Protein backbone atom coordinates (compact mmCIF):
# COMPACT_ATOMS: atom_id res chain seq x y z
CA MET A 1 -9.66 38.12 -30.43
CA ALA A 2 -11.17 37.40 -26.98
CA THR A 3 -9.07 35.47 -24.50
CA SER A 4 -10.50 32.03 -23.69
CA PRO A 5 -11.61 31.47 -20.08
CA TYR A 6 -10.30 27.91 -20.33
CA ALA A 7 -6.78 26.59 -19.96
CA LEU A 8 -7.79 23.42 -21.80
CA GLU A 9 -10.84 22.45 -23.84
CA VAL A 10 -11.75 19.06 -25.28
CA ARG A 11 -14.48 19.25 -27.93
CA GLY A 12 -16.15 16.19 -29.39
CA ILE A 13 -13.14 13.88 -29.16
CA THR A 14 -13.78 10.43 -30.64
CA LYS A 15 -11.36 7.51 -30.74
CA SER A 16 -11.95 3.95 -31.94
CA PHE A 17 -9.85 0.79 -31.82
CA PRO A 18 -10.63 -2.50 -33.60
CA GLY A 19 -13.93 -3.70 -32.16
CA VAL A 20 -14.40 -0.91 -29.62
CA ARG A 21 -15.15 2.83 -29.51
CA ALA A 22 -12.99 4.02 -26.61
CA LEU A 23 -14.22 7.64 -26.74
CA ASP A 24 -17.47 8.82 -28.26
CA ASN A 25 -17.80 12.60 -28.70
CA VAL A 26 -16.48 13.51 -25.22
CA ASN A 27 -16.14 17.07 -23.95
CA LEU A 28 -14.24 18.69 -21.10
CA ARG A 29 -13.45 22.27 -20.07
CA LEU A 30 -10.68 23.05 -17.59
CA LYS A 31 -10.27 26.54 -16.10
CA PRO A 32 -7.08 28.11 -14.73
CA GLY A 33 -6.88 27.84 -10.97
CA GLU A 34 -9.15 24.81 -10.57
CA VAL A 35 -8.72 21.14 -9.72
CA HIS A 36 -10.93 19.21 -12.12
CA ALA A 37 -11.72 15.56 -11.39
CA LEU A 38 -11.94 13.15 -14.31
CA LEU A 39 -13.76 10.05 -13.11
CA GLY A 40 -14.78 6.76 -14.68
CA GLU A 41 -14.53 3.04 -14.16
CA ASN A 42 -11.70 1.01 -15.69
CA GLY A 43 -12.23 1.01 -19.44
CA ALA A 44 -14.40 4.15 -19.44
CA GLY A 45 -11.91 6.04 -21.65
CA LYS A 46 -9.95 8.18 -19.18
CA SER A 47 -6.53 6.79 -20.12
CA THR A 48 -7.31 7.09 -23.82
CA LEU A 49 -8.09 10.77 -23.39
CA ILE A 50 -4.89 11.31 -21.40
CA LYS A 51 -2.90 9.68 -24.22
CA ILE A 52 -4.55 11.94 -26.79
CA LEU A 53 -3.93 15.06 -24.71
CA THR A 54 -0.25 14.15 -24.32
CA GLY A 55 0.45 13.31 -27.96
CA ILE A 56 0.80 9.55 -27.50
CA GLN A 57 -2.23 8.74 -29.65
CA PRO A 58 -4.14 10.81 -32.22
CA ALA A 59 -7.89 11.36 -31.97
CA ASP A 60 -10.09 10.21 -34.85
CA SER A 61 -12.10 13.43 -34.67
CA GLY A 62 -12.75 16.41 -32.43
CA SER A 63 -10.46 19.19 -31.28
CA ILE A 64 -8.15 20.23 -28.43
CA LEU A 65 -7.75 23.87 -27.47
CA VAL A 66 -5.00 25.15 -25.18
CA ARG A 67 -5.63 28.72 -23.94
CA GLY A 68 -8.18 29.13 -26.73
CA GLN A 69 -5.88 27.97 -29.56
CA GLU A 70 -6.62 24.72 -31.36
CA ARG A 71 -3.66 22.36 -31.14
CA THR A 72 -2.70 18.99 -32.63
CA PHE A 73 0.07 17.06 -30.91
CA GLN A 74 2.26 14.75 -32.96
CA SER A 75 4.38 13.75 -29.97
CA ALA A 76 4.60 13.89 -26.19
CA HIS A 77 7.28 16.57 -26.52
CA ALA A 78 4.91 18.75 -28.56
CA ALA A 79 2.26 18.50 -25.81
CA THR A 80 4.85 19.42 -23.19
CA MET A 81 5.98 22.43 -25.21
CA ALA A 82 2.34 23.55 -25.45
CA GLY A 83 2.17 23.64 -21.66
CA ILE A 84 0.62 20.26 -20.84
CA GLY A 85 2.45 18.25 -18.20
CA VAL A 86 1.49 14.75 -17.09
CA VAL A 87 2.21 12.35 -14.24
CA HIS A 88 1.23 8.87 -15.40
CA GLN A 89 -0.14 6.14 -13.13
CA GLU A 90 2.56 3.70 -14.23
CA ARG A 91 6.05 4.76 -13.17
CA ASN A 92 8.06 6.16 -16.04
CA VAL A 93 11.62 6.75 -14.89
CA ILE A 94 15.05 5.55 -15.97
CA ALA A 95 16.39 3.65 -12.98
CA ASP A 96 20.08 4.31 -13.71
CA PHE A 97 19.60 8.05 -14.12
CA THR A 98 19.89 10.38 -11.15
CA VAL A 99 16.87 12.07 -9.62
CA ALA A 100 17.86 15.34 -11.34
CA GLU A 101 18.33 13.66 -14.74
CA ASN A 102 14.86 12.09 -14.49
CA ILE A 103 13.27 15.38 -13.51
CA VAL A 104 14.65 17.23 -16.57
CA LEU A 105 14.12 14.27 -18.92
CA GLY A 106 12.86 15.57 -22.26
CA ASN A 107 13.72 19.16 -21.35
CA THR A 108 17.41 18.88 -20.50
CA PRO A 109 19.07 22.34 -20.42
CA ARG A 110 22.08 22.64 -22.72
CA LEU A 111 25.00 25.00 -23.30
CA ARG A 112 26.16 26.29 -26.64
CA GLY A 113 27.49 23.41 -28.66
CA GLY A 114 24.90 21.01 -27.27
CA ARG A 115 26.63 20.03 -24.04
CA VAL A 116 24.39 19.42 -21.02
CA ASP A 117 24.28 22.36 -18.62
CA TRP A 118 24.74 20.35 -15.44
CA LYS A 119 24.57 23.41 -13.23
CA ALA A 120 21.13 24.22 -14.65
CA VAL A 121 20.07 20.57 -14.31
CA ASP A 122 20.90 20.56 -10.61
CA SER A 123 19.40 23.99 -9.88
CA GLY A 124 16.23 23.21 -11.83
CA ALA A 125 15.77 19.89 -10.06
CA LYS A 126 16.38 21.49 -6.68
CA ARG A 127 13.78 24.17 -7.45
CA VAL A 128 10.95 21.67 -7.99
CA LEU A 129 12.09 19.38 -5.20
CA ASP A 130 11.93 22.36 -2.85
CA MET A 131 8.47 23.13 -4.19
CA LEU A 132 7.43 19.61 -3.23
CA ASP A 133 9.26 19.88 0.10
CA PHE A 134 10.92 16.60 -0.91
CA PRO A 135 14.29 16.31 0.91
CA ILE A 136 16.20 14.10 -1.50
CA ASP A 137 19.66 14.49 -3.03
CA PRO A 138 19.21 15.33 -6.75
CA SER A 139 22.38 13.36 -7.52
CA MET A 140 20.99 10.11 -6.03
CA PRO A 141 20.39 7.25 -8.53
CA THR A 142 16.64 6.78 -8.95
CA ARG A 143 16.92 3.01 -8.52
CA LEU A 144 17.66 3.60 -4.81
CA LEU A 145 14.30 5.29 -4.20
CA SER A 146 11.17 3.68 -2.81
CA SER A 147 8.00 3.44 -4.92
CA ALA A 148 6.55 6.48 -3.20
CA GLN A 149 9.72 8.52 -3.71
CA THR A 150 9.82 7.53 -7.38
CA GLN A 151 6.26 8.77 -7.80
CA LEU A 152 7.25 12.14 -6.32
CA VAL A 153 10.13 12.38 -8.80
CA GLU A 154 7.59 12.00 -11.61
CA ILE A 155 5.46 14.72 -10.09
CA ALA A 156 8.57 16.92 -9.91
CA ARG A 157 9.17 16.27 -13.63
CA GLY A 158 5.67 17.53 -14.40
CA LEU A 159 6.32 20.67 -12.38
CA TYR A 160 9.77 21.24 -13.92
CA ALA A 161 8.26 22.00 -17.32
CA ASP A 162 6.31 24.86 -15.68
CA SER A 163 3.14 23.56 -17.31
CA ALA A 164 -0.04 25.66 -17.32
CA VAL A 165 -2.03 22.40 -17.32
CA LEU A 166 -0.96 19.42 -15.21
CA LEU A 167 -2.60 16.02 -15.72
CA LEU A 168 -2.33 13.78 -12.65
CA ASP A 169 -3.28 10.18 -13.46
CA GLU A 170 -3.84 8.28 -10.16
CA PRO A 171 -0.97 10.17 -8.49
CA THR A 172 -1.70 8.88 -4.96
CA ALA A 173 -2.16 5.20 -5.86
CA SER A 174 1.20 4.16 -4.41
CA ILE A 175 2.20 6.87 -1.97
CA SER A 176 1.46 7.21 1.73
CA GLU A 177 -1.20 9.34 3.38
CA ALA A 178 1.45 11.81 4.55
CA GLU A 179 2.92 12.05 1.05
CA SER A 180 -0.59 12.47 -0.39
CA THR A 181 -1.16 15.39 1.98
CA LEU A 182 2.09 16.94 0.73
CA LEU A 183 1.02 16.41 -2.88
CA PHE A 184 -2.33 18.13 -2.35
CA ASP A 185 -0.62 21.03 -0.60
CA VAL A 186 1.46 21.45 -3.77
CA VAL A 187 -1.61 21.08 -5.99
CA HIS A 188 -3.42 23.86 -4.19
CA ARG A 189 -0.35 26.11 -4.32
CA LEU A 190 -0.21 25.55 -8.08
CA THR A 191 -3.89 26.37 -8.58
CA ALA A 192 -3.42 29.52 -6.48
CA GLN A 193 -0.80 30.51 -9.08
CA GLY A 194 -3.41 30.03 -11.84
CA ARG A 195 -2.42 26.60 -13.09
CA ALA A 196 -5.10 24.09 -14.04
CA ILE A 197 -5.05 20.53 -12.66
CA LEU A 198 -6.85 17.55 -14.19
CA PHE A 199 -7.02 14.92 -11.45
CA VAL A 200 -7.80 11.29 -12.35
CA SER A 201 -8.60 9.09 -9.36
CA HIS A 202 -10.77 6.22 -8.12
CA LYS A 203 -10.59 7.59 -4.55
CA LEU A 204 -13.79 9.55 -4.15
CA GLU A 205 -12.80 10.81 -0.70
CA GLU A 206 -9.82 12.59 -2.31
CA VAL A 207 -11.99 13.96 -5.09
CA PHE A 208 -14.54 15.51 -2.73
CA ALA A 209 -11.81 16.86 -0.46
CA HIS A 210 -9.71 18.57 -3.14
CA CYS A 211 -11.54 19.03 -6.45
CA ASP A 212 -13.71 21.91 -7.69
CA THR A 213 -15.34 20.52 -10.82
CA VAL A 214 -15.98 17.07 -12.27
CA THR A 215 -16.34 15.24 -15.56
CA VAL A 216 -17.55 11.63 -15.51
CA PHE A 217 -16.94 9.13 -18.31
CA ARG A 218 -19.00 5.99 -18.71
CA ASP A 219 -18.49 3.54 -21.59
CA GLY A 220 -16.55 6.12 -23.60
CA ARG A 221 -19.08 8.94 -23.20
CA SER A 222 -19.09 11.98 -20.93
CA VAL A 223 -22.20 11.63 -18.73
CA ALA A 224 -21.28 14.71 -16.68
CA GLU A 225 -19.30 17.51 -18.31
CA SER A 226 -17.31 20.05 -16.29
CA GLU A 227 -19.93 20.39 -13.57
CA PRO A 228 -19.41 21.94 -10.12
CA LEU A 229 -18.58 19.08 -7.76
CA SER A 230 -20.70 20.75 -5.07
CA ALA A 231 -23.78 19.77 -7.11
CA TYR A 232 -23.13 16.06 -6.43
CA THR A 233 -23.06 13.67 -3.51
CA ARG A 234 -20.81 10.64 -3.31
CA ASP A 235 -23.80 8.37 -4.08
CA SER A 236 -24.86 10.41 -7.11
CA ILE A 237 -21.32 10.25 -8.51
CA VAL A 238 -21.28 6.47 -8.03
CA ASP A 239 -24.63 6.28 -9.85
CA LEU A 240 -23.08 8.16 -12.80
CA LEU A 241 -20.00 5.94 -12.78
CA VAL A 242 -21.84 2.61 -12.97
CA GLY A 243 -25.07 3.68 -14.67
CA ARG A 244 -27.26 2.39 -11.87
CA THR A 245 -27.50 2.60 -8.11
CA LEU A 246 -24.68 0.55 -6.63
CA SER A 247 -26.35 -1.40 -3.82
CA LYS A 248 -24.64 -1.76 -0.48
CA LEU A 249 -22.22 -4.66 -0.37
CA ASP A 250 -23.79 -7.87 0.87
CA VAL A 251 -21.36 -8.66 3.69
CA PRO A 252 -21.61 -12.37 4.54
CA GLU A 253 -22.08 -13.52 8.11
CA ARG A 254 -18.74 -14.97 9.22
CA SER A 255 -17.43 -16.03 12.61
CA PRO A 256 -13.90 -17.34 12.05
CA ASP A 257 -12.68 -19.75 14.72
CA VAL A 258 -9.47 -18.30 16.13
CA SER A 259 -9.17 -20.61 19.11
CA GLY A 260 -7.12 -23.32 17.43
CA THR A 261 -3.72 -23.51 15.79
CA PRO A 262 -3.06 -20.63 13.36
CA ALA A 263 -2.65 -21.47 9.68
CA LEU A 264 0.36 -19.12 9.58
CA GLU A 265 2.26 -17.76 12.56
CA LEU A 266 5.34 -15.62 13.09
CA VAL A 267 6.94 -15.71 16.54
CA GLY A 268 9.69 -13.21 17.45
CA VAL A 269 10.76 -12.90 13.80
CA ASP A 270 13.67 -10.67 12.77
CA THR A 271 14.62 -10.27 9.11
CA ALA A 272 17.63 -9.13 7.12
CA THR A 273 15.57 -6.18 5.85
CA GLY A 274 15.12 -4.81 9.37
CA HIS A 275 12.03 -6.34 10.99
CA HIS A 276 12.37 -6.95 14.69
CA GLY A 277 10.32 -9.03 17.12
CA ILE A 278 7.41 -9.71 14.76
CA ASP A 279 4.55 -11.67 16.38
CA LEU A 280 1.70 -12.26 13.95
CA ASN A 281 -0.82 -14.98 13.15
CA VAL A 282 -3.81 -15.70 10.95
CA HIS A 283 -6.26 -18.61 11.22
CA SER A 284 -8.07 -20.58 8.53
CA GLY A 285 -11.25 -18.74 7.57
CA GLU A 286 -9.91 -15.42 8.89
CA ILE A 287 -8.96 -12.21 7.07
CA LEU A 288 -6.11 -10.35 8.75
CA GLY A 289 -5.38 -6.79 7.69
CA LEU A 290 -1.80 -5.51 7.72
CA TYR A 291 -1.95 -1.72 7.80
CA GLY A 292 0.73 0.95 7.89
CA LEU A 293 2.16 3.87 5.99
CA VAL A 294 4.38 3.36 2.94
CA GLY A 295 7.78 2.25 4.23
CA ALA A 296 6.40 0.52 7.34
CA GLY A 297 7.76 -2.85 6.14
CA ARG A 298 4.54 -4.66 5.25
CA THR A 299 5.50 -5.86 1.75
CA GLU A 300 9.00 -6.71 2.96
CA LEU A 301 7.46 -8.91 5.68
CA ALA A 302 5.42 -10.76 3.05
CA ARG A 303 8.59 -11.28 1.02
CA ALA A 304 10.32 -12.76 4.08
CA VAL A 305 7.44 -15.21 4.57
CA LEU A 306 7.83 -16.26 0.93
CA GLY A 307 11.57 -16.78 1.22
CA LEU A 308 12.45 -13.78 -0.94
CA ASP A 309 14.07 -12.03 2.04
CA GLN A 310 15.92 -13.77 4.87
CA ILE A 311 14.44 -14.49 8.30
CA THR A 312 17.42 -14.14 10.64
CA SER A 313 15.80 -15.24 13.90
CA GLY A 314 12.46 -16.34 15.35
CA ASP A 315 10.03 -18.95 14.06
CA LEU A 316 7.77 -19.22 11.04
CA LYS A 317 5.07 -21.86 11.50
CA VAL A 318 2.54 -23.29 9.09
CA ASN A 319 -0.35 -25.10 10.82
CA GLY A 320 1.73 -25.23 13.99
CA THR A 321 4.81 -26.81 12.40
CA PRO A 322 8.07 -24.84 12.03
CA ALA A 323 8.72 -24.11 8.36
CA VAL A 324 11.74 -23.00 6.38
CA ILE A 325 10.68 -21.40 3.08
CA ARG A 326 13.36 -20.64 0.51
CA SER A 327 11.39 -19.43 -2.53
CA VAL A 328 7.93 -18.59 -3.85
CA GLY A 329 7.80 -22.03 -5.47
CA ASP A 330 8.71 -23.62 -2.15
CA ALA A 331 5.99 -21.61 -0.39
CA LEU A 332 3.39 -22.75 -2.92
CA GLU A 333 4.31 -26.40 -3.43
CA ARG A 334 5.22 -27.37 0.15
CA PHE A 335 3.04 -25.06 2.22
CA GLY A 336 0.17 -23.89 0.02
CA ILE A 337 1.03 -20.19 0.35
CA GLY A 338 0.23 -17.80 -2.51
CA TYR A 339 1.09 -14.11 -2.95
CA VAL A 340 -0.80 -11.58 -5.07
CA THR A 341 1.79 -8.84 -5.54
CA GLU A 342 1.08 -5.10 -5.40
CA ASP A 343 2.88 -4.49 -8.71
CA ARG A 344 0.86 -6.77 -10.97
CA LYS A 345 2.46 -5.42 -14.15
CA ALA A 346 6.09 -5.86 -13.11
CA GLU A 347 5.85 -8.94 -10.88
CA GLY A 348 2.39 -10.50 -10.97
CA LEU A 349 1.72 -11.05 -14.66
CA PHE A 350 3.31 -11.85 -18.01
CA LEU A 351 1.76 -8.99 -19.97
CA ASP A 352 2.84 -10.32 -23.35
CA GLN A 353 1.27 -13.74 -22.68
CA THR A 354 -2.36 -14.82 -22.94
CA VAL A 355 -4.90 -14.85 -20.14
CA ALA A 356 -4.91 -18.66 -20.28
CA LYS A 357 -1.14 -18.95 -19.84
CA ASN A 358 -1.15 -16.50 -16.93
CA LEU A 359 -3.97 -18.31 -15.15
CA THR A 360 -2.31 -21.72 -15.45
CA VAL A 361 1.33 -20.78 -14.82
CA THR A 362 1.20 -22.04 -11.21
CA ILE A 363 -0.23 -25.45 -12.17
CA LEU A 364 1.78 -26.40 -15.25
CA LYS A 365 3.19 -29.50 -13.51
CA LYS A 366 -0.32 -30.72 -12.72
CA LEU A 367 -1.42 -30.06 -16.28
CA SER A 368 1.52 -31.92 -17.86
CA ASN A 369 1.78 -35.55 -18.87
CA GLY A 370 4.59 -37.93 -17.91
CA LEU A 371 6.83 -36.44 -20.59
CA GLY A 372 6.39 -32.93 -19.27
CA VAL A 373 4.14 -31.83 -22.14
CA VAL A 374 1.22 -29.62 -21.12
CA ARG A 375 -2.19 -31.16 -21.77
CA GLU A 376 -3.65 -28.26 -23.74
CA LYS A 377 -7.29 -29.31 -23.40
CA ALA A 378 -7.01 -29.45 -19.61
CA ALA A 379 -5.17 -26.11 -19.56
CA ARG A 380 -7.87 -24.45 -21.66
CA GLN A 381 -10.60 -25.85 -19.42
CA ALA A 382 -8.83 -24.65 -16.26
CA ALA A 383 -8.43 -21.16 -17.73
CA ASP A 384 -12.08 -21.04 -18.81
CA ASP A 385 -13.21 -22.12 -15.34
CA TYR A 386 -11.42 -19.21 -13.66
CA ILE A 387 -12.39 -16.70 -16.33
CA SER A 388 -15.99 -17.66 -15.58
CA SER A 389 -15.80 -17.89 -11.78
CA LEU A 390 -13.91 -14.58 -11.42
CA ASP A 391 -16.00 -12.86 -14.13
CA ILE A 392 -12.87 -11.75 -16.01
CA LYS A 393 -13.92 -9.57 -18.95
CA VAL A 394 -12.03 -10.91 -21.97
CA ALA A 395 -12.67 -11.43 -25.65
CA SER A 396 -11.24 -14.95 -25.26
CA ARG A 397 -8.77 -16.91 -23.16
CA ASP A 398 -6.17 -16.10 -25.84
CA GLN A 399 -6.34 -12.33 -25.30
CA LEU A 400 -3.05 -10.84 -24.11
CA VAL A 401 -3.14 -9.84 -20.44
CA GLY A 402 -1.47 -6.52 -21.22
CA THR A 403 -4.59 -5.43 -23.13
CA LEU A 404 -6.96 -5.93 -20.16
CA SER A 405 -8.18 -3.21 -17.81
CA GLY A 406 -6.50 -2.87 -14.41
CA GLY A 407 -9.34 -4.62 -12.59
CA ASN A 408 -9.31 -7.58 -14.93
CA GLN A 409 -5.52 -7.85 -14.71
CA GLN A 410 -5.85 -8.02 -10.94
CA LYS A 411 -8.43 -10.80 -11.26
CA VAL A 412 -5.99 -12.79 -13.42
CA SER A 413 -3.22 -12.19 -10.88
CA LEU A 414 -5.47 -13.58 -8.13
CA GLY A 415 -6.80 -16.39 -10.30
CA LYS A 416 -3.41 -18.01 -10.88
CA TRP A 417 -3.03 -18.53 -7.13
CA LEU A 418 -6.57 -19.83 -6.72
CA ALA A 419 -5.87 -22.32 -9.50
CA ALA A 420 -2.98 -23.64 -7.42
CA LYS A 421 -5.41 -24.37 -4.53
CA THR A 422 -3.54 -22.22 -2.02
CA GLU A 423 -4.71 -22.44 1.59
CA ILE A 424 -2.92 -19.28 2.77
CA LEU A 425 -3.14 -16.21 0.55
CA ILE A 426 -1.30 -12.90 0.99
CA ILE A 427 -2.84 -10.11 -1.10
CA ASP A 428 -0.82 -6.88 -1.36
CA GLU A 429 -2.85 -3.72 -2.12
CA PRO A 430 -5.70 -5.65 -3.79
CA THR A 431 -7.64 -2.71 -5.24
CA VAL A 432 -5.06 -0.05 -6.16
CA GLY A 433 -6.23 1.62 -9.39
CA ILE A 434 -9.49 -0.35 -9.47
CA ASP A 435 -12.89 1.26 -9.92
CA VAL A 436 -15.80 1.29 -7.46
CA ARG A 437 -17.76 -1.62 -8.92
CA THR A 438 -14.74 -3.90 -9.35
CA LYS A 439 -13.64 -3.05 -5.81
CA GLY A 440 -16.93 -4.38 -4.46
CA ALA A 441 -16.56 -7.55 -6.51
CA PHE A 442 -13.07 -8.08 -5.08
CA TYR A 443 -14.28 -7.68 -1.52
CA THR A 444 -17.01 -10.24 -2.15
CA LEU A 445 -14.47 -12.63 -3.64
CA ILE A 446 -12.08 -12.29 -0.68
CA TRP A 447 -14.94 -12.90 1.78
CA GLN A 448 -15.85 -16.03 -0.17
CA LEU A 449 -12.28 -17.33 0.04
CA ALA A 450 -12.42 -16.94 3.84
CA LEU A 451 -15.79 -18.72 3.95
CA GLU A 452 -14.12 -21.60 2.10
CA GLY A 453 -11.61 -21.85 4.94
CA LYS A 454 -8.63 -20.07 3.44
CA ALA A 455 -6.43 -17.89 5.66
CA VAL A 456 -6.10 -14.46 4.04
CA ILE A 457 -3.70 -11.60 4.82
CA VAL A 458 -4.58 -8.30 3.14
CA ILE A 459 -1.94 -5.56 2.96
CA SER A 460 -3.58 -2.21 2.28
CA SER A 461 -2.87 1.51 2.68
CA ASP A 462 -6.60 2.26 2.42
CA LEU A 463 -8.04 2.35 5.94
CA ALA A 464 -11.63 2.43 4.68
CA GLU A 465 -10.86 -0.77 2.79
CA MET A 466 -9.48 -2.35 5.96
CA VAL A 467 -12.57 -1.42 7.98
CA THR A 468 -14.84 -2.85 5.27
CA LEU A 469 -12.96 -6.05 4.58
CA VAL A 470 -10.97 -7.64 7.41
CA ASP A 471 -11.56 -9.29 10.80
CA ARG A 472 -8.47 -7.95 12.60
CA ILE A 473 -6.07 -5.12 11.83
CA ALA A 474 -2.38 -5.41 12.73
CA VAL A 475 -0.54 -2.09 12.48
CA MET A 476 3.08 -1.81 11.36
CA GLN A 477 5.48 1.09 11.84
CA ASP A 478 9.26 1.10 11.30
CA PHE A 479 9.36 -2.65 10.50
CA ALA A 480 7.65 -3.63 13.78
CA ILE A 481 4.12 -4.50 14.86
CA THR A 482 2.90 -1.70 17.13
CA GLY A 483 -0.33 -3.47 18.02
CA GLU A 484 -3.54 -4.87 16.62
CA VAL A 485 -7.28 -4.38 17.03
CA VAL A 486 -10.37 -6.47 16.34
CA ASN A 487 -12.34 -4.77 13.57
CA THR A 488 -15.69 -3.37 14.70
CA HIS A 489 -16.43 -2.05 11.16
CA ASP A 490 -17.04 1.38 12.68
CA TYR A 491 -14.80 3.65 10.61
CA GLU A 492 -14.52 6.52 13.09
CA GLN A 493 -13.73 4.19 15.98
CA MET A 494 -11.24 2.11 13.99
CA SER A 495 -9.45 5.10 12.47
CA LYS A 496 -8.78 6.52 15.94
CA ALA A 497 -7.49 3.17 17.20
CA VAL A 498 -5.26 2.59 14.17
CA ILE A 499 -3.82 6.12 14.13
CA ARG A 500 -2.98 5.75 17.82
CA LEU A 501 -1.08 2.53 17.06
CA ILE A 502 0.78 4.14 14.15
CA HIS A 503 2.20 6.70 16.55
CA GLU A 504 3.27 4.12 19.16
CA GLU A 505 7.01 4.51 19.75
CA GLN A 506 7.65 0.90 20.76
CA PRO A 507 6.23 -2.40 19.49
CA ALA A 508 3.45 -3.94 21.52
CA PRO A 509 4.65 -6.51 24.08
CA ALA A 510 5.17 -10.04 22.79
CA GLY A 511 2.75 -12.71 23.86
CA GLY A 512 -0.49 -11.12 22.67
CA ARG A 513 -2.66 -12.49 19.90
């Protein structure tokens, strides 16, 4: 029997759910030693295929071959034992376990009699951590790690099983540029050893920099199957993704007035989480970008503004008036400040509640009568208005938010703050895990909010997004502002200026804009 040239083959896989065909006769061929990009917009079927390949869901028809042998996986463990490892987009660790325990989870080495072989646990964890060049104590509780560090632990788990095929589902969505570079170094070392990597990403710059071949899904079908990536340009891939030429974004003409009193201003602010001497402001009608590597303190600064972390010195001003904010509710009701969190699943949304309830959660008092009973007709109308204005793709307002695509969940997360008529909006990583077309729609929406006079702060780790979207970029490093630049929308020029500020050793002098 001839040896198959493929590490993994997908032949004619079909999968349907009530009312929708998620996958329709899709095919994919993955060779040893290659990085294969799997691309598609939200809802195109990528996640469904990953679940089938890892034994979480069965296919309705079609076949999976691993090293030429047809396999059927009844469980995730069976897929792992067949040599398929996976790093999911959503974090999947046990917070109270140590780093080492999470790395060996599902494959814990044992001694005779069933006792855990702790020496093997530690040595095995250290082996893959060294492979990742990740200097972390294997005995550290995972709950003490940052989001980026937690993601690397999941990658280490995938490597621990010594898988011949490694599926990476949006692995760089929540890690820094430096950590992404480290990850890709590891990926290329693995392919040099003959392992096959299936790389799922919305970041086309990463795909073209690191992938060899590409499969593109659109509406549950494979519209490009295991083709050499060199045969495509970025524009031709986008055409395949959306089924039509995606026209250049229509950037509105805006000239925000920054001569008056800022809508939100921080003057010499220190916080309990470690910020020092923060001077920052944003005006009505302006979009301020807050850029920095993971761990720079951007999200923590937003939390301090919202009263979730303590401001220990300095002044916070709203429309020129000193403000003391003690909670998110306080920020919203007294000062009109809203916050679209980075982690929409854990913090931004109630996944087991309907779209309508999520959209109206910030305005329940306004929608209630004198007895505190919600006026259901008014609530339904409010939800329908935002479903329409934000073009949220739902079967009905009563659909559970947890069943929506990532892009539509993000629209709901934004919509609840728009419903509350916020005048100052902080948006943390607005397009993480969102496809090309939805990204463009989000940019257009944020520009419209600024045109309506809202002050917007965008926190993003995507420099291209910053250059496209904002008016000014403030750069953070080590919980301080190292400087800021007016955005010229010239990517090469702005990237040089921002990188220079990232490497500043001391914060910029106080007193500037």
